[in-house]
Amino acid sequence: MYTAQVQSWPEGPRYVKVDDLPTPSNSQIQLRVLATGAHQVVRSRASGQHYSARELPHTVGIDCVGKDDATGQLYYLFTLQNGTFAERINVERSIVYPLPSEVDPISFAASVNPAMSSWMAITHRTTNLPKDFTTVIVGATSASGRLAVYSAKALGAGKIIGVGRNADTLETVDGLDDYVVLRDPVIETDFSKLRGCDLILDYVYGDATVQLLSSLDKSKKTVQYVEIGSLAQRTAQIPGQLLRSFDLTIRGAGAGSWSIAALQKELHVLVPIMARWKLPSARCIPLKDIEIAWKDAALASKGRLVFVP
């Protein structure tokens, strides 16, 4: 059997032959891997820079779409214990999630990880959102931002407003009720459409965040802000006076702010719902080509990558 394995952190993944898997135990299932995503967290783990991956050799990957050849059933799998960049994988039945046969393994493997970011932000990093809450998604044209629209709608949002730099691209984001175009400099951006919002999911951060928060209506209404990503900047200088000027709650959402057990519980809800979404396409790469493709910066910049054994 072949896997993508890191034997030296500086070298990155190599396509290596390993022993065939043993027969799965009674509590396990063996899946033939159909597609596995090269998410940012996967790259971080493969470089030895993530807290969840410190030992060598390291088999790459955290999730996949696989098939039980005995039944033909498709499953989604998430695990930090067994790498998924492999031809086959043995895993506990408790952490696999059945999929309908019509699901495209490539797009699904590429999409669950970015969708998790908004789903977990809303379910675990907000409290008491009102009925039909208004959501603002900063960075709505990113892969995660587009999926955040679906997450917000599925979890009860009545109105969703996207924020991004390109009006034409914002027009293509499925499910938005309205949008705001960021100007350069950002201080010239008209954020008036966002007044009265209940929830802000931010994938961009930085100066745009400060300007947006400064532009909100300073009424008694509670606004919940959740920082999920830093596509633009890693820091933001939020004035103390702004924090005191209205009912604003600021949180972050990421693997450190919720537990893996909580995520696995939410996947039982998210996975079947996602199976009905219109998911973005992804670029498909044979696993045997990983040593070249992994280091190809131009390839990585063209969108989500999925490796296929």
Protein backbone atom coordinates (compact mmCIF):
# COMPACT_ATOMS: atom_id res chain seq x y z
CA MET A 1 0.00 0.00 0.00
CA TYR A 2 1.15 3.54 -0.73
CA THR A 3 0.85 6.63 1.46
CA ALA A 4 2.12 10.21 1.54
CA GLN A 5 4.49 10.29 4.47
CA VAL A 6 6.77 12.92 6.00
CA GLN A 7 10.05 11.43 7.23
CA SER A 8 11.84 14.78 7.63
CA TRP A 9 9.96 18.03 8.31
CA PRO A 10 12.06 20.19 5.92
CA GLU A 11 11.63 17.71 3.05
CA GLY A 12 7.84 17.52 3.08
CA PRO A 13 5.70 14.54 2.00
CA ARG A 14 7.04 11.63 -0.01
CA TYR A 15 5.12 8.89 -1.81
CA VAL A 16 6.19 5.73 -0.01
CA LYS A 17 5.23 2.07 0.10
CA VAL A 18 4.19 0.73 3.49
CA ASP A 19 2.85 -2.57 4.79
CA ASP A 20 -0.72 -3.45 3.92
CA LEU A 21 -3.25 -2.72 6.65
CA PRO A 22 -4.30 -5.47 9.05
CA THR A 23 -7.88 -6.69 9.09
CA PRO A 24 -9.96 -4.02 10.89
CA SER A 25 -11.17 -4.84 14.40
CA ASN A 26 -14.86 -5.29 15.22
CA SER A 27 -15.14 -1.60 16.11
CA GLN A 28 -13.35 -0.44 12.97
CA ILE A 29 -14.11 -0.07 9.30
CA GLN A 30 -11.66 -0.12 6.40
CA LEU A 31 -12.18 2.53 3.75
CA ARG A 32 -10.66 2.86 0.32
CA VAL A 33 -9.70 6.52 0.12
CA LEU A 34 -11.27 8.30 -2.86
CA ALA A 35 -10.25 11.91 -2.17
CA THR A 36 -8.42 13.79 0.58
CA GLY A 37 -8.00 17.56 0.92
CA ALA A 38 -4.76 19.53 1.12
CA HIS A 39 -6.14 22.08 3.59
CA GLN A 40 -3.96 24.70 5.26
CA VAL A 41 -3.99 22.77 8.54
CA VAL A 42 -2.81 19.69 6.63
CA ARG A 43 0.14 21.66 5.25
CA SER A 44 0.92 23.05 8.69
CA ARG A 45 0.94 19.56 10.22
CA ALA A 46 3.12 18.23 7.38
CA SER A 47 5.72 20.91 8.10
CA GLY A 48 5.85 20.08 11.82
CA GLN A 49 4.51 23.52 12.73
CA HIS A 50 1.17 22.41 14.17
CA TYR A 51 0.69 21.34 17.78
CA SER A 52 -1.24 18.23 16.72
CA ALA A 53 1.60 16.70 14.67
CA ARG A 54 5.02 16.42 16.31
CA GLU A 55 6.20 12.87 15.64
CA LEU A 56 7.90 11.32 12.62
CA PRO A 57 7.12 9.54 10.41
CA HIS A 58 3.96 11.51 9.83
CA THR A 59 1.24 10.33 7.43
CA VAL A 60 -0.34 13.39 5.83
CA GLY A 61 -4.02 14.33 6.03
CA ILE A 62 -6.88 14.80 8.47
CA ASP A 63 -9.99 13.96 6.46
CA CYS A 64 -11.20 12.19 3.36
CA VAL A 65 -14.08 10.70 1.46
CA GLY A 66 -13.77 6.94 1.32
CA LYS A 67 -15.72 3.88 0.29
CA ASP A 68 -16.46 0.67 2.12
CA ASP A 69 -15.84 -1.80 -0.70
CA ALA A 70 -17.84 -4.47 1.12
CA THR A 71 -21.06 -2.44 0.92
CA GLY A 72 -20.36 0.34 -1.59
CA GLN A 73 -21.27 2.95 1.05
CA LEU A 74 -19.50 6.32 0.89
CA TYR A 75 -18.29 7.96 4.10
CA TYR A 76 -16.68 11.19 5.22
CA LEU A 77 -13.93 10.78 7.81
CA PHE A 78 -12.19 13.26 10.09
CA THR A 79 -9.29 12.19 12.29
CA LEU A 80 -6.12 13.57 13.83
CA GLN A 81 -4.91 10.07 14.71
CA ASN A 82 -4.48 8.44 11.30
CA GLY A 83 -3.25 10.20 8.19
CA THR A 84 -5.67 10.11 5.25
CA PHE A 85 -3.24 10.53 2.33
CA ALA A 86 -3.21 6.77 1.77
CA GLU A 87 -4.81 4.17 -0.42
CA ARG A 88 -6.72 2.66 2.50
CA ILE A 89 -7.36 3.49 6.13
CA ASN A 90 -8.69 1.62 9.18
CA VAL A 91 -10.74 3.82 11.52
CA GLU A 92 -13.28 3.55 14.30
CA ARG A 93 -16.85 3.34 13.03
CA SER A 94 -17.81 6.07 15.50
CA ILE A 95 -15.94 8.76 13.52
CA VAL A 96 -17.17 8.03 9.99
CA TYR A 97 -20.21 9.79 8.56
CA PRO A 98 -22.30 8.19 5.77
CA LEU A 99 -22.79 10.04 2.50
CA PRO A 100 -25.37 9.59 -0.27
CA SER A 101 -24.05 7.91 -3.40
CA GLU A 102 -24.56 11.02 -5.57
CA VAL A 103 -22.04 13.11 -3.61
CA ASP A 104 -18.95 14.11 -5.58
CA PRO A 105 -16.01 12.85 -3.48
CA ILE A 106 -13.64 15.51 -4.87
CA SER A 107 -15.70 18.61 -4.05
CA PHE A 108 -16.87 17.17 -0.73
CA ALA A 109 -13.33 16.34 0.42
CA ALA A 110 -12.28 19.88 -0.48
CA SER A 111 -15.20 21.59 1.25
CA VAL A 112 -15.87 20.13 4.70
CA ASN A 113 -12.78 21.63 6.34
CA PRO A 114 -13.49 25.22 5.18
CA ALA A 115 -17.18 24.78 6.00
CA MET A 116 -16.30 23.69 9.53
CA SER A 117 -14.87 27.14 10.25
CA SER A 118 -18.18 28.98 9.97
CA TRP A 119 -20.31 26.12 11.30
CA MET A 120 -18.26 25.82 14.49
CA ALA A 121 -18.07 29.61 14.83
CA ILE A 122 -21.86 29.93 14.85
CA THR A 123 -22.65 26.83 16.91
CA HIS A 124 -19.87 27.16 19.51
CA ARG A 125 -18.65 30.77 19.51
CA THR A 126 -21.93 32.68 19.65
CA THR A 127 -24.71 32.83 22.25
CA ASN A 128 -28.44 33.52 22.03
CA LEU A 129 -28.59 34.82 18.48
CA PRO A 130 -32.06 36.24 17.72
CA LYS A 131 -34.49 34.57 15.35
CA ASP A 132 -33.66 35.29 11.68
CA PHE A 133 -30.41 36.99 12.71
CA THR A 134 -28.51 39.15 10.22
CA THR A 135 -25.03 37.86 9.42
CA VAL A 136 -22.12 39.75 7.86
CA ILE A 137 -19.38 37.65 6.22
CA VAL A 138 -16.13 39.55 5.72
CA GLY A 139 -14.20 37.74 2.99
CA ALA A 140 -17.32 36.30 1.41
CA THR A 141 -15.63 35.51 -1.92
CA SER A 142 -13.10 33.10 -0.38
CA ALA A 143 -13.86 29.37 -0.39
CA SER A 144 -14.59 29.48 3.34
CA GLY A 145 -16.65 32.63 2.97
CA ARG A 146 -18.85 31.15 0.25
CA LEU A 147 -19.52 28.10 2.41
CA ALA A 148 -20.19 30.36 5.41
CA VAL A 149 -23.25 31.67 3.55
CA TYR A 150 -24.68 28.14 3.50
CA SER A 151 -23.75 27.55 7.15
CA ALA A 152 -25.42 30.74 8.29
CA LYS A 153 -28.62 30.01 6.36
CA ALA A 154 -28.75 26.44 7.67
CA LEU A 155 -28.34 27.69 11.24
CA GLY A 156 -31.11 30.29 11.07
CA ALA A 157 -29.81 33.50 9.49
CA GLY A 158 -32.58 35.57 7.94
CA LYS A 159 -30.29 37.92 6.03
CA ILE A 160 -26.67 37.56 4.90
CA ILE A 161 -24.47 40.41 3.71
CA GLY A 162 -21.10 39.71 2.12
CA VAL A 163 -18.05 41.96 2.27
CA GLY A 164 -15.26 41.74 -0.30
CA ARG A 165 -13.02 43.71 -2.62
CA ASN A 166 -14.54 42.87 -6.01
CA ALA A 167 -18.16 43.61 -6.86
CA ASP A 168 -18.24 41.24 -9.83
CA THR A 169 -16.96 38.36 -7.69
CA LEU A 170 -19.40 39.18 -4.89
CA GLU A 171 -22.22 38.89 -7.44
CA THR A 172 -21.24 35.24 -7.95
CA VAL A 173 -21.52 34.28 -4.27
CA ASP A 174 -24.60 32.10 -3.97
CA GLY A 175 -27.10 33.03 -1.26
CA LEU A 176 -26.07 36.60 -0.42
CA ASP A 177 -28.90 39.05 0.18
CA ASP A 178 -26.64 42.08 -0.24
CA TYR A 179 -22.97 43.01 -0.27
CA VAL A 180 -20.47 45.77 0.53
CA VAL A 181 -17.38 46.42 -1.59
CA LEU A 182 -14.21 47.30 0.30
CA ARG A 183 -12.54 50.42 -1.04
CA ASP A 184 -8.87 51.39 -1.03
CA PRO A 185 -8.21 53.06 1.34
CA VAL A 186 -10.69 51.15 3.48
CA ILE A 187 -11.80 54.31 5.27
CA GLU A 188 -13.71 55.21 2.08
CA THR A 189 -15.86 52.07 2.33
CA ASP A 190 -19.56 52.63 2.95
CA PHE A 191 -20.54 50.15 5.68
CA SER A 192 -24.01 51.64 6.25
CA LYS A 193 -25.73 48.46 4.99
CA LEU A 194 -24.26 46.58 7.96
CA ARG A 195 -25.92 48.69 10.65
CA GLY A 196 -28.31 46.53 12.60
CA CYS A 197 -26.39 43.30 12.04
CA ASP A 198 -26.32 40.64 14.76
CA LEU A 199 -23.29 38.55 13.79
CA ILE A 200 -20.01 39.23 11.98
CA LEU A 201 -17.88 36.34 10.70
CA ASP A 202 -14.46 37.71 9.71
CA TYR A 203 -12.02 35.89 7.45
CA VAL A 204 -10.03 39.03 6.58
CA TYR A 205 -9.14 40.94 9.78
CA GLY A 206 -6.97 44.05 10.07
CA ASP A 207 -7.86 47.60 9.07
CA ALA A 208 -11.13 46.54 7.42
CA THR A 209 -12.26 45.05 10.73
CA VAL A 210 -11.56 48.23 12.67
CA GLN A 211 -13.34 50.39 10.12
CA LEU A 212 -16.34 48.06 9.98
CA LEU A 213 -16.77 47.93 13.76
CA SER A 214 -16.37 51.70 13.98
CA SER A 215 -19.17 52.15 11.46
CA LEU A 216 -21.79 50.08 13.27
CA ASP A 217 -24.87 51.61 14.85
CA LYS A 218 -24.04 52.31 18.52
CA SER A 219 -27.49 51.28 19.76
CA LYS A 220 -28.38 48.91 22.57
CA LYS A 221 -28.42 45.99 20.15
CA THR A 222 -25.89 43.23 20.82
CA VAL A 223 -23.36 42.54 18.05
CA GLN A 224 -21.34 39.34 18.13
CA TYR A 225 -18.05 39.38 16.22
CA VAL A 226 -16.10 36.17 15.50
CA GLU A 227 -12.60 36.26 14.02
CA ILE A 228 -11.98 33.13 11.93
CA GLY A 229 -9.16 34.05 9.54
CA SER A 230 -6.55 36.68 8.76
CA LEU A 231 -6.43 36.83 4.96
CA ALA A 232 -5.46 40.51 4.93
CA GLN A 233 -3.59 41.21 8.19
CA ARG A 234 -2.68 39.38 11.39
CA THR A 235 -3.23 42.35 13.70
CA ALA A 236 -5.89 45.02 14.17
CA GLN A 237 -5.64 48.16 16.29
CA ILE A 238 -9.10 48.34 17.87
CA PRO A 239 -9.45 51.50 20.00
CA GLY A 240 -10.48 50.95 23.61
CA GLN A 241 -13.17 53.58 23.26
CA LEU A 242 -14.79 51.55 20.48
CA LEU A 243 -15.02 48.49 22.74
CA ARG A 244 -16.81 50.58 25.36
CA SER A 245 -19.16 52.38 22.98
CA PHE A 246 -21.75 49.62 22.39
CA ASP A 247 -22.70 46.03 23.27
CA LEU A 248 -19.99 44.21 21.33
CA THR A 249 -18.78 40.67 22.00
CA ILE A 250 -15.50 39.62 20.37
CA ARG A 251 -14.45 35.99 20.07
CA GLY A 252 -12.22 33.87 17.90
CA ALA A 253 -13.06 30.53 16.31
CA GLY A 254 -10.53 27.81 15.60
CA ALA A 255 -9.35 24.44 16.80
CA GLY A 256 -8.14 25.96 20.06
CA SER A 257 -11.53 27.44 20.91
CA TRP A 258 -13.58 24.23 20.70
CA SER A 259 -12.87 20.57 21.31
CA ILE A 260 -12.42 17.76 18.79
CA ALA A 261 -15.27 15.95 20.56
CA ALA A 262 -17.51 18.96 19.92
CA LEU A 263 -16.49 19.00 16.26
CA GLN A 264 -17.18 15.29 15.83
CA LYS A 265 -20.63 15.79 17.34
CA GLU A 266 -21.36 18.67 14.97
CA LEU A 267 -20.18 16.64 11.96
CA HIS A 268 -23.16 14.32 12.49
CA VAL A 269 -25.32 17.36 11.68
CA LEU A 270 -23.09 19.20 9.18
CA VAL A 271 -22.17 16.31 6.88
CA PRO A 272 -25.72 15.31 5.82
CA ILE A 273 -26.66 18.98 5.39
CA MET A 274 -23.56 19.67 3.28
CA ALA A 275 -24.45 16.73 1.03
CA ARG A 276 -27.32 18.91 -0.27
CA TRP A 277 -25.22 22.05 -0.86
CA LYS A 278 -23.87 23.26 -4.18
CA LEU A 279 -20.18 22.78 -3.42
CA PRO A 280 -17.30 24.47 -5.28
CA SER A 281 -15.11 22.41 -7.56
CA ALA A 282 -11.52 21.54 -6.67
CA ARG A 283 -8.33 20.69 -8.50
CA CYS A 284 -7.59 16.96 -8.44
CA ILE A 285 -3.99 15.63 -8.20
CA PRO A 286 -2.87 11.97 -8.22
CA LEU A 287 -1.34 11.06 -4.86
CA LYS A 288 1.70 9.60 -6.62
CA ASP A 289 2.56 13.14 -7.80
CA ILE A 290 2.54 14.67 -4.33
CA GLU A 291 6.32 15.26 -4.11
CA ILE A 292 6.14 17.67 -7.07
CA ALA A 293 2.64 19.10 -6.54
CA TRP A 294 3.13 19.82 -2.83
CA LYS A 295 5.88 22.36 -3.51
CA ASP A 296 4.19 23.95 -6.56
CA ALA A 297 3.17 27.39 -5.29
CA ALA A 298 1.43 28.26 -8.56
CA LEU A 299 -0.72 25.15 -8.29
CA ALA A 300 -1.66 25.89 -4.69
CA SER A 301 -2.75 29.42 -5.65
CA LYS A 302 -5.32 28.14 -8.16
CA GLY A 303 -7.81 26.95 -5.56
CA ARG A 304 -8.51 23.98 -3.33
CA LEU A 305 -6.36 20.93 -3.97
CA VAL A 306 -7.54 17.36 -3.48
CA PHE A 307 -5.27 14.33 -3.77
CA VAL A 308 -6.58 11.06 -5.17
CA PRO A 309 -4.81 7.73 -4.48
